[in-house]
Protein backbone atom coordinates (compact mmCIF):
# COMPACT_ATOMS: atom_id res chain seq x y z
CA MET A 1 0.51 0.03 0.29
CA ASN A 2 2.78 2.61 0.80
CA SER A 3 4.70 1.89 -2.27
CA GLN A 4 1.42 2.43 -4.47
CA ARG A 5 0.53 5.67 -2.22
CA ARG A 6 4.76 6.84 -3.29
CA LEU A 7 3.41 5.89 -7.27
CA ARG A 8 0.48 7.59 -7.10
CA SER A 9 2.22 10.94 -6.05
CA THR A 10 5.10 10.53 -7.80
CA LEU A 11 3.98 12.86 -11.00
CA LYS A 12 3.25 15.40 -8.85
CA LEU A 13 6.11 15.67 -7.50
CA PHE A 14 7.96 15.43 -10.42
CA LEU A 15 6.62 18.57 -12.00
CA ILE A 16 7.59 20.17 -8.83
CA ALA A 17 10.89 19.02 -8.33
CA ILE A 18 11.34 20.60 -11.79
CA VAL A 19 9.92 23.90 -11.38
CA ALA A 20 12.08 24.05 -7.84
CA SER A 21 15.39 23.19 -9.39
CA VAL A 22 14.71 26.24 -11.95
CA SER A 23 16.37 29.33 -11.09
CA PHE A 24 13.75 32.31 -11.31
CA SER A 25 15.55 35.27 -12.22
CA ALA A 26 12.83 37.04 -12.53
CA CYS A 27 11.71 37.52 -8.54
CA THR A 28 15.07 38.97 -8.50
CA SER A 29 14.07 41.85 -9.94
CA SER A 30 10.51 42.03 -9.09
CA GLY A 31 9.65 43.90 -5.68
CA GLY A 32 7.89 42.85 -3.12
CA GLY A 33 4.09 43.68 -4.11
CA ASP A 34 4.73 43.46 -7.92
CA VAL A 35 2.59 40.97 -9.59
CA LEU A 36 4.78 37.71 -10.71
CA TYR A 37 2.87 35.57 -13.61
CA TYR A 38 3.15 31.23 -14.26
CA VAL A 39 2.08 30.88 -17.52
CA ALA A 40 0.40 27.76 -18.86
CA LEU A 41 0.83 26.84 -22.72
CA GLY A 42 -0.29 24.13 -24.76
CA ASP A 43 -3.26 21.64 -25.62
CA SER A 44 -5.68 20.54 -22.97
CA LEU A 45 -3.39 18.92 -19.97
CA ALA A 46 -2.67 22.62 -19.83
CA VAL A 47 -5.87 24.06 -19.27
CA GLY A 48 -6.16 20.93 -16.79
CA VAL A 49 -9.22 19.11 -18.91
CA GLN A 50 -10.80 16.23 -17.96
CA GLN A 51 -13.49 13.58 -17.51
CA ASP A 52 -16.95 14.53 -15.78
CA PRO A 53 -17.72 11.55 -13.41
CA THR A 54 -21.68 12.02 -14.96
CA THR A 55 -21.47 13.11 -18.78
CA GLY A 56 -18.58 12.06 -19.79
CA GLU A 57 -17.80 14.84 -21.49
CA ASN A 58 -14.20 17.03 -21.55
CA ILE A 59 -14.84 19.88 -18.96
CA GLU A 60 -12.30 22.43 -17.74
CA THR A 61 -10.80 22.24 -14.40
CA ASP A 62 -8.47 23.25 -11.82
CA GLU A 63 -6.91 20.73 -11.00
CA GLY A 64 -5.03 20.19 -13.39
CA TYR A 65 -0.78 20.28 -13.87
CA ALA A 66 -0.92 23.56 -14.33
CA ASP A 67 -2.94 24.26 -11.28
CA GLN A 68 -0.76 21.87 -8.64
CA ILE A 69 2.01 23.18 -10.03
CA TYR A 70 0.98 27.04 -9.28
CA ALA A 71 -0.25 26.16 -6.12
CA ALA A 72 2.92 24.63 -5.08
CA LEU A 73 4.42 28.07 -6.04
CA LEU A 74 2.26 30.22 -4.16
CA ALA A 75 3.79 29.73 -0.80
CA GLU A 76 7.13 31.43 -1.82
CA PHE A 77 5.59 33.54 -4.04
CA PRO A 78 2.18 35.31 -3.04
CA ASN A 79 1.71 37.87 -5.52
CA LEU A 80 1.96 34.98 -8.21
CA GLN A 81 -1.10 34.55 -11.01
CA LEU A 82 -1.74 31.87 -13.34
CA VAL A 83 -1.96 32.55 -16.71
CA LYS A 84 -3.66 29.47 -19.48
CA LEU A 85 -3.19 30.21 -22.59
CA GLY A 86 -3.98 26.65 -24.15
CA CYS A 87 -6.45 25.48 -25.99
CA PRO A 88 -8.25 21.56 -25.81
CA GLY A 89 -7.38 19.98 -29.00
CA GLU A 90 -3.93 22.23 -30.13
CA THR A 91 -1.82 20.64 -32.01
CA THR A 92 1.62 21.88 -33.13
CA VAL A 93 -0.10 23.29 -36.06
CA THR A 94 -2.51 25.29 -35.24
CA MET A 95 -0.54 26.89 -32.29
CA VAL A 96 1.51 28.42 -34.03
CA ASN A 97 -1.84 29.38 -37.33
CA GLY A 98 -3.96 29.09 -34.76
CA GLY A 99 -8.02 28.11 -36.21
CA LEU A 100 -9.06 26.11 -33.37
CA CYS A 101 -9.93 27.99 -30.33
CA ASP A 102 -11.12 31.27 -31.09
CA ASP A 103 -10.34 33.70 -27.78
CA TYR A 104 -7.18 34.64 -29.29
CA GLU A 105 -6.91 38.22 -29.41
CA THR A 106 -3.96 38.00 -32.59
CA GLY A 107 -5.54 34.75 -33.74
CA SER A 108 -3.48 32.68 -32.48
CA GLN A 109 -2.13 30.92 -29.24
CA LEU A 110 1.50 31.21 -29.81
CA ASP A 111 1.04 34.52 -30.97
CA ASP A 112 -0.98 35.78 -28.05
CA ALA A 113 1.68 33.46 -25.63
CA LEU A 114 4.70 36.06 -27.00
CA GLU A 115 2.51 39.27 -26.78
CA PHE A 116 1.82 38.52 -23.57
CA LEU A 117 5.81 37.64 -22.63
CA VAL A 118 7.49 40.48 -24.17
CA ALA A 119 4.99 42.73 -22.58
CA ASN A 120 5.20 41.34 -18.81
CA GLN A 121 8.77 40.12 -19.28
CA GLU A 122 10.23 41.10 -16.20
CA GLN A 123 7.28 39.68 -14.48
CA ILE A 124 7.42 36.34 -15.62
CA LEU A 125 8.35 33.54 -13.33
CA LEU A 126 7.73 30.51 -15.44
CA VAL A 127 6.30 29.25 -18.40
CA THR A 128 5.15 25.61 -18.99
CA LEU A 129 4.90 23.58 -22.70
CA SER A 130 2.59 20.84 -23.03
CA ILE A 131 1.92 20.23 -26.98
CA GLY A 132 2.04 17.71 -29.66
CA ALA A 133 0.42 14.84 -28.70
CA ASN A 134 -2.74 15.43 -30.57
CA ASP A 135 -0.71 15.78 -33.77
CA VAL A 136 -0.22 12.39 -33.22
CA LEU A 137 -3.12 11.24 -31.73
CA GLY A 138 -5.24 13.68 -34.33
CA SER A 139 -3.02 11.47 -37.62
CA ASP A 140 -4.59 8.73 -39.61
CA CYS A 141 -1.57 6.76 -38.46
CA LEU A 142 -2.63 4.35 -35.54
CA SER A 143 -5.72 3.69 -38.24
CA LEU A 144 -3.68 2.55 -40.84
CA PRO A 145 -3.71 -1.83 -41.63
CA THR A 146 -0.27 -3.11 -40.95
CA PRO A 147 2.56 -2.58 -38.14
CA ALA A 148 4.83 -1.45 -40.68
CA GLU A 149 2.71 1.26 -42.27
CA VAL A 150 2.03 2.49 -39.00
CA GLN A 151 5.82 2.65 -38.61
CA ALA A 152 6.32 4.72 -41.93
CA CYS A 153 3.46 6.95 -41.16
CA PHE A 154 4.72 8.43 -38.22
CA ALA A 155 8.59 8.37 -39.58
CA ALA A 156 6.90 11.33 -42.07
CA LEU A 157 4.95 12.75 -39.36
CA PHE A 158 7.69 12.68 -36.37
CA PRO A 159 9.75 15.55 -38.21
CA GLN A 160 6.81 17.44 -39.21
CA ILE A 161 5.98 17.99 -35.65
CA GLY A 162 9.46 18.56 -34.65
CA SER A 163 9.25 21.38 -37.28
CA ASN A 164 6.84 23.07 -36.46
CA LEU A 165 7.54 22.66 -32.23
CA SER A 166 11.23 24.46 -33.72
CA LEU A 167 9.03 26.98 -34.37
CA ILE A 168 7.70 27.49 -31.45
CA SER A 169 10.56 26.91 -28.91
CA SER A 170 12.55 29.47 -30.49
CA GLY A 171 10.17 32.11 -30.50
CA LEU A 172 9.48 31.38 -26.73
CA PHE A 173 13.13 31.42 -26.66
CA SER A 174 13.49 34.89 -28.07
CA ALA A 175 10.99 36.29 -25.60
CA SER A 176 12.36 34.62 -22.82
CA ASP A 177 15.99 36.27 -23.37
CA GLY A 178 16.96 33.86 -20.48
CA VAL A 179 14.84 36.43 -18.25
CA PHE A 180 12.26 33.24 -16.74
CA PRO A 181 12.36 29.55 -17.43
CA VAL A 182 10.41 27.68 -19.92
CA ILE A 183 9.56 24.26 -19.03
CA GLY A 184 8.55 21.77 -21.77
CA MET A 185 7.39 17.82 -20.92
CA THR A 186 7.00 14.30 -22.28
CA TYR A 187 4.16 12.73 -22.74
CA TYR A 188 2.07 10.07 -20.96
CA ASN A 189 1.37 6.63 -23.50
CA PRO A 190 -2.51 6.82 -23.09
CA LEU A 191 -2.57 3.42 -25.60
CA LEU A 192 -1.25 1.08 -23.12
CA ALA A 193 -4.81 0.68 -22.02
CA SER A 194 -5.15 -1.89 -24.98
CA TRP A 195 -3.22 -4.57 -23.26
CA LEU A 196 -6.06 -4.82 -21.35
CA THR A 197 -8.06 -6.30 -24.43
CA GLY A 198 -5.69 -9.34 -24.73
CA PRO A 199 -2.98 -10.49 -26.59
CA VAL A 200 -3.77 -8.48 -29.92
CA GLY A 201 -4.07 -5.07 -27.24
CA GLN A 202 -0.81 -6.52 -25.38
CA ALA A 203 0.83 -6.71 -29.51
CA GLN A 204 -0.02 -3.01 -29.88
CA ALA A 205 0.98 -1.68 -26.76
CA GLN A 206 4.44 -2.85 -27.00
CA ALA A 207 4.16 -1.27 -30.17
CA THR A 208 2.40 1.97 -29.33
CA ALA A 209 4.91 2.29 -26.54
CA ALA A 210 7.86 2.16 -28.90
CA LEU A 211 6.68 4.68 -31.02
CA GLN A 212 5.66 6.89 -28.16
CA GLU A 213 9.44 6.60 -26.85
CA ILE A 214 10.50 7.55 -30.41
CA PHE A 215 8.49 10.37 -30.28
CA ASN A 216 9.36 11.39 -26.83
CA THR A 217 13.08 11.59 -27.31
CA GLN A 218 13.63 12.29 -31.05
CA VAL A 219 10.64 15.36 -31.15
CA LEU A 220 10.66 16.13 -27.55
CA LYS A 221 13.44 16.18 -25.82
CA ALA A 222 15.61 16.95 -29.14
CA VAL A 223 13.72 20.39 -29.83
CA TYR A 224 13.36 21.27 -26.32
CA GLY A 225 17.09 19.95 -25.42
CA ALA A 226 18.25 22.30 -28.36
CA ASN A 227 16.64 25.63 -26.84
CA GLY A 228 18.53 24.95 -23.83
CA PHE A 229 14.67 24.35 -21.78
CA PRO A 230 14.44 21.84 -19.35
CA VAL A 231 12.29 18.78 -19.82
CA ALA A 232 9.84 17.04 -17.07
CA ASP A 233 9.64 13.49 -18.49
CA VAL A 234 6.21 12.89 -17.96
CA ALA A 235 6.64 9.06 -19.17
CA ALA A 236 9.22 8.31 -16.96
CA SER A 237 6.93 9.09 -14.34
CA PHE A 238 4.43 6.86 -15.56
CA GLN A 239 6.61 4.42 -16.51
CA SER A 240 5.23 3.86 -19.55
CA ASN A 241 8.45 1.62 -20.84
CA ASN A 242 8.15 -0.75 -17.93
CA PHE A 243 6.45 -3.93 -18.74
CA THR A 244 8.47 -5.70 -16.64
CA ASP A 245 6.87 -5.29 -13.18
CA MET A 246 3.74 -6.24 -12.11
CA VAL A 247 1.49 -4.45 -9.79
CA PRO A 248 -2.13 -5.70 -8.45
CA PHE A 249 -5.22 -4.84 -10.89
CA PRO A 250 -9.00 -5.58 -10.51
CA PRO A 251 -9.74 -9.03 -11.84
CA PRO A 252 -9.60 -10.86 -14.12
CA PHE A 253 -6.49 -9.73 -15.07
CA ASN A 254 -5.11 -9.84 -10.49
CA MET A 255 -1.90 -8.28 -12.06
CA VAL A 256 -0.61 -5.99 -14.62
CA PRO A 257 1.66 -4.31 -15.69
CA ILE A 258 2.75 -1.26 -13.68
CA ASN A 259 3.22 1.34 -17.19
CA VAL A 260 -0.54 -0.42 -17.74
CA GLY A 261 -1.46 0.14 -13.57
CA LEU A 262 -0.48 3.79 -13.61
CA ILE A 263 -1.99 4.75 -17.13
CA CYS A 264 -5.36 3.17 -15.58
CA GLN A 265 -4.46 4.83 -12.34
CA TRP A 266 -3.98 8.45 -13.21
CA THR A 267 -6.00 8.69 -16.69
CA TYR A 268 -9.84 7.57 -17.68
CA MET A 269 -8.52 5.63 -19.98
CA CYS A 270 -9.95 2.27 -18.03
CA PRO A 271 -13.30 3.50 -17.25
CA ASN A 272 -15.56 0.95 -15.09
CA PRO A 273 -17.60 -1.35 -17.68
CA MET A 274 -20.94 -0.55 -15.28
CA SER A 275 -20.46 3.14 -15.53
CA GLY A 276 -21.19 3.64 -19.63
CA LEU A 277 -17.67 6.04 -19.69
CA GLU A 278 -15.74 5.41 -22.84
CA PRO A 279 -11.89 5.50 -22.14
CA ASP A 280 -10.27 9.14 -21.87
CA ILE A 281 -7.30 10.25 -22.52
CA HIS A 282 -7.19 13.00 -20.41
CA ALA A 283 -4.70 12.78 -16.90
CA ASN A 284 -7.63 12.81 -13.93
CA ALA A 285 -6.98 14.70 -10.67
CA ALA A 286 -4.06 12.15 -9.60
CA GLY A 287 -2.24 11.76 -12.53
């Protein structure tokens, strides 16, 4: 039980530890009463979208990772304000060009963000960014009939995402000009839940884990690292590649790989069959 409690808190503590390790130069130049800003950029995870337990609809909450980081920082920075500029469903393409969420004054999340960051540069404490997952999940690659076709599709898609992310990251790098930190993050793998469907699903889970490792390492970490951004390795906190260690799970499975167990525990991908809810990729409050 104690080990399970520790696992449940890993992701939250990991993100907070990443934030705590960053040198906040903004706070040294701000007076005691000056407002500071934590700006959360990206997709639905940055907004705190979760599944409504009654209707199954996606709703924006104040329990996402940005909200939890903000709460952890408030004790030290009581004048801190959280600015959520994320957009549910945002891709690297729409973040640059707009067209998905219509509440951006400049027409796109990136341009709104850059405008705000430049205008308030000395008051920015921190920026976090989660983007890229919807490019993958919204593509046609996963629906292709053979593993070879799936791999070829992603091999073509990943460089495109990397190019878009480079444009986003370089803009944020210029806006920060060394004054405030920008933290990128990797993604957990919601498709690990397919392991529960049987041998075919277990093979699919293994295959998606391999592709996710390439995406997180060769796209996200590579681009963020090129701009000197720290990376919160969410995939590692979810033990996304660990099919070896087994953990207890409700019947009929009894034991499952820990990466599958954590996906079920920290997201909405494994709903109770009696609930009538559909699997949902978003992290819950614990995740």
